[in-house]
Each structure stands twice: as C-alpha cells, then as structure tokens.
Amino acid sequence: LPCRGQVVPIAVPIPEEQEEDKGKLCHHACSAPGSSFRKPKFINHTSKQCLLISVAAPKLNLYSHPAPASYPLISHPSPIQELVWLLHKALEVAQLEKRTCTEFLAAEGEQERLELLRHYERHAADLRGRLLELKAEGEDLRTSLAQRDAHVAELQENVTLMRKKNHAKQEVILKLLEKVSACLADPTRTVSTTNGLEAQTFRQLNEDTENLKDDIEAYKIQNKFLNSEIYQLTKLWLNSSEQEKSLMVKCAYLEARNCQIESRYLGVLGKLQENKVLEPGQREAVRKLQGEDPLQGDLNDVLKLNPVREHDEYGFKIIPDYEVEDIKLLAKIQAQEIRSHSLLRQDAGDRLLLGRWAQYLGGRPADNLCPSSELKSLLRGGVPCEYRPRVWRWVVRVRTRLCQKSLTSPHQASRQIQLDLYRTLTTNQHFSSPSSPALQQLQRILLAFSWQNPTIGYCQGLNRLAAIALLVLESEQDAFWCLVAVVEAIMPQDYYTKTLISSQADQCVLKDFMAEKIPRLAAHFEEHSVDVSLITFNWFLVVFVESLPSDILLRVWDAFLYEGTKVIFRYALALFKYKEEDILKIHDSVEIYQYLRFFAKTISDGRKLTNIAFSDMNPFPMKLLRNRRALHLERLQGELRELEAQQREFVTESAQRKDLDTILASEDDEEL
C-alpha cells in the first residue's frame, strides 16, 4: 500500500466508447480543484487501453463524477502490487525510450544521430558493467550471509550444549548438597562413592583428622628442635664473624702503624739529608733511600682486607679502617653489609641519573654551561663519575680568576706542608705510598696556593681539600684552581686564617639551626653536656672529607661547589636527623661522643640523606644564614679583641714584674 504523500502509478481500464473523450477526461482530472494527479500517460497492455495516473496517497479522486468501477487497494502483499511495480518500471523505461527517440528525431543531421547512438551504446555498456558488478557484489553478500548464518547456527548449538552442561552440573551439585546434608544429619550413615565402593564414615574421618593433628604436633616439636640447632649455628657464625672483624681491625691497626713508621723513617732521612756534617757519598745514599719504597717487604706481608675489590674508582677504601679502641662499635656499624645492600638497591636510580645528565650535557660545549635551576637540581642529586671532572672544571672556572704568580717558588709554609703530606687520605690508594706521584702533585698545589694567598699561606685541612680536587679533576692546574675557588670564593673570609674565627661562627650558627630543625636532639645534647662542635668543626673545615663514605662525599661536593656553604649546613643537619633515634637511645656522654666519632661513616643510603638535606630541612634561606653568621662573627670578634687586650695587659705586667725583679736583684748584689 502507498504511504501518505507517496506517488503510486494506478492503471485504470477505459471503455472503448469513452476512448474519444480520454483527452477531455484527463484534462478535467488534472485541472480539478484539490486534485493531486499528474499528467496522464497512455500505454498499450495486452490489447487493452489503460490510463496510468500518478496518485498522491491517501487522496484518490480520479473524476469529479462517479466512476464506472472502483478498484480498492489491497492491504497485504499480492501479485497486484508486483504488477503495479513492474508497470511502474515499464513506464520509466518507456519514458526513457521516448526521451531518447525524441532526442534522436530532434537531431538535425545523420552525424548527430550517430553520435547519440554511440553515446547511448556506451551508456548501455556502462550499465551492463555496473549490473555485473552488482551481481558479483550480491553473490558476495549472499555468501557472507550464508557464512554468518552458519556461524550463528554453530553458536546456537554451542549455547545449547553449554546450557545442557550447566544443567547437568547443577543437578550434580544438588545431589552432592543432598548427600552432604544427609551426612551432617546422620554421621553414622555411609556414603557411596562414584565408583560404587563404600566410603568411610565420618567417625573414621574424625579419627584420621586426630591422627593428622598428632603428626602436626610432632612436626612442630621437630621444627623447634631444628630451630634451636640453627640458632646455635648462627651464634657460632656470629662469633666467627666477630673474630674475623677483630682480625681485620688488627690488620688495619698494623697498616696504620706501618704508615707511621714509614713517615718517621722518611722524616729521619730528611733530617739526615739536611745535616751538613754528612759527606757527599752519604748524602747520595740517603737520597737513594728516599727514592725507594721503604719497608716494601713488610707491606707485601700485610693481609689483604678484601681480595675482590678494596677501592672505588677514586681510590677510596670500600671497607673503612677503624682504630683499635673502637672495636666495640663494629657490631653497630656493619658498614660493608649496609653499603653493598644500598648499592644493589640504587642501581636503577643511578641509571636514571646518568640518563638525565646525558640529556642535559648532550650537544653542549664543554665550557658553555649556564647557571640554572635545572643544573642546581641535577647537582643536588649528584654527578656521574664520567661527567664529574667536566662539571667541576666549569664551576671552578666560574668562581676563580687568573693568577700569574709563580707556583713553584719555595715558601715558609713548605715544612708544614711536607709534614701533612703523609697524613693526607691515608686510606686512599693514590696517597697510601710515600713515593706516590699524587703526593708530589699535592705538594706543588699546596705550595702554589701558599703564594696565591699569603694571608692564609697554609692551614691544616687544605691538604684534604686539594687531594679531593686532584682525585676528581686529575690535573694539577685544575685542582689548584678548585682549591682557590673553595677557600677564596665559596668559604667565608677568615675561615682558614690563624684565628679560624669564621669557622667558629659557623659552629654557633649550626647549633642555632639544630635547635630549630631537630630540637629533641639538641635538647638531648644539652642535657648530657655534649658539644657537637668537637665533631662538626672538622666536617666544616674539610667539607666532610674522611668523614663520609666516598660516594656520598662526592655527591655532597657536587652541590657544595655550585651552591656554597649552605650545603654543608644542610648535610650536617641531615646527618644528625638520619641517626636521631639511635642517638636519643644513648644516655651517657662518653658513649655519645664515641658514637658521634664514627656514625657518619655508617651511612650508606645517599639518596635518603639527600632527601633529608634538601626536603626535610626546608625552608633554609641564605639570607638567614648570612645574618646569623654576621651576628656570631661580630660577637666572636669582640671576644677576640678582649682576649688580645688581656694578653697585652698580661705581657705588660709580666715585663714590669721582670724589671722589678731585676732591680731588686741588682740592689741585693750591691748590698752583698
């Protein structure tokens, strides 16, 4: 049936007697008011003349007067509808043929008609090709539809099968539930298994359960016995471990004594060489002895502490040496085990840090680093070994200026430098031997600095600063300028002068910060009359050299060279914060001092220490540090002036007393 507003062709038979009036009839139908007819078309169909009329459903008003016959529309599919559809298609074809014939007849010449024929032939060929394509596409669609129908049928079969299985399982579950309920209701009732055999009763099962409980108790007793044996073996192992550590300490003590003997031996040789009484041959013999490696045979007999790896890439000992009186602290320290565990845990973090530095330095010239927050963050995390010399050279170059003074002339501090050379980083393999080339380089660096800064000349502690710079930069000139940068540009003025007044001021500032950042520990120290400056003074003077493990020490120096002395305060506070709970457990001042002497060497988690220093200690403004330093410096300078005035007064009084004693003695002589 046509929908509302749909145009449907309707074939209406016309009687022969009305054939003449069909024109009028059509004109009347088309011109009738409210009609929805289109222009009628006439075709011949099975020897009957029919009138095709386009109708707009649902209106069906063919004539204004009653029609001779009515043809109702069928509301269900029927051959009539198919006939109507075929007639509609035939009408379209006829219209197309008519239009074609009209164009063909309207052509003026044979050439135009021929062109029209060719055009329609090509069009017909295209239509035939398209028809073939549509047929192929239809075949493909039918094949796909068949495959999908088969897949749907297969899925339906699977669903049916799964439903059957599920139903069977539910039935089995119901049966088992019924059996369990029956067994719980009647424990003496026997249950038949699936293979037809009679199962045990619940009483028998209970007996088996009791037997199993007895077996478990027996196994528990056996386990306790084995645990006691394991405990005894562990105690034996710990005792042997303590003995091994004791032997290691004794070996370290012997090595230290050996170094002291070497130092004294070389000192005696130096004095012999300076003795003018010796003949030239004897002086030559002394010079040869100085060039040799003394006590080499004894060194070869010394027990090796770690046959696998004793030193890191900078020559520092992985297992530190301890003095004999500190054997009691070894049980608390266990530095080797802690450090090995820490290194294994930090491999992934080290690879990430190396990648960040490689990305930052990639494509940058060696001398074209610029201060930035990104560089500051990277330096706080530490510099990888392969990039550390390059970064340190840049930082030193930024902080120093060129100097043209001679670096090799003798100086009055050369004797003190010579004495301190053999006490520099004695646990480092580059400085452990008196004939090491590094010691000669270090001597030249310190001598050059004494000329560079005559106000300071030389101060104990500068040898350690220069030694660290020499180990990392591997160049005398770069190490010299690094020392200049630390003393003259980074550290406050008068930090290494004879009075060490700036160093003392920093100790007062540190105590103020401890009272603010870690008040419990500061109160604990005050309660037991512990002066932390006895421990921390050396930390500040040499920037933690020989106080921290080498890997953490170099990480501290990375940030120290870039940010300055504020880093020393941060790490000093972080060290106390790291071990705060352990220190609070000690309630004897002597034990606290003993613990503070070595606790920094037991810290191996450098990342945790760095997080405490740069996160937990915030805020840490540099302005506040400068103000407190100036305040304490002014107070100490006033005390120093008073002390100097008292000294001058004492000297004056001593001179007057001596003059008076001289006068009295002369009068006594005259009387005699």
Foldseek 3Di string as FASTA:
>chain_A
DDDAQDKFKDKAFDDPVCPVVPVVLQVQQVPPPPADWDRWDWDADPNTTIIIIIHRPPDDCSHPDDDPDDDDDDPDDDVVVVVSVVVVVVVVVVVVVVVLVVVLVPDDDPVVNVVSVVVVVVVVVVVVVVVVVVVVVVVVVVVVVVVVVVVVVVVVVVVVVVVVVVVVVVVVVVVVVVVVVVCVVPQQDWDADPVGDIDDGVVVVVVVVVVVVVVVVVVVVVVVVVVVVVVVVVVVVVVVVLVLVLVVQVLLQVLVVVLVVVLVVLVVLVVVLVDPVDDPVVNVVSVVVLLDFPPPVVVVPRDDSDPPDQADPLQAGQDDHDHPVLSVCPVVQVQNVVQVVQVVVCPVVVVVLVVLVCVVCPPPDLQDDDDDPSLLVSLLVPDDLVCVLSLLLNLLVVQDDDDDDDLADADPCLVVLVSCLSVESCRGPQRVTPNRVLSVLLSSLLSSVLVVDVQQNDAPLLSNQLSVQCSRNVDSVSSSSSSCSQQPGFQDPCCRGPVNLLLVLVLVVLLVLCCVQPVVLSVLCVVQVHRCCVLCSSCQSNVCRVQAPPVLSNSLVSNCSVPGPLSSSLLVSLLCVVCVVVLSVDNHRVVSVSCSNRVRHSDNNNVSSSCSSPPSSPPDDPVVVVVSSVVSSVVVVVVVVVVVVVVVVVVVVVVVVVVVVVVVVVVVVVVD
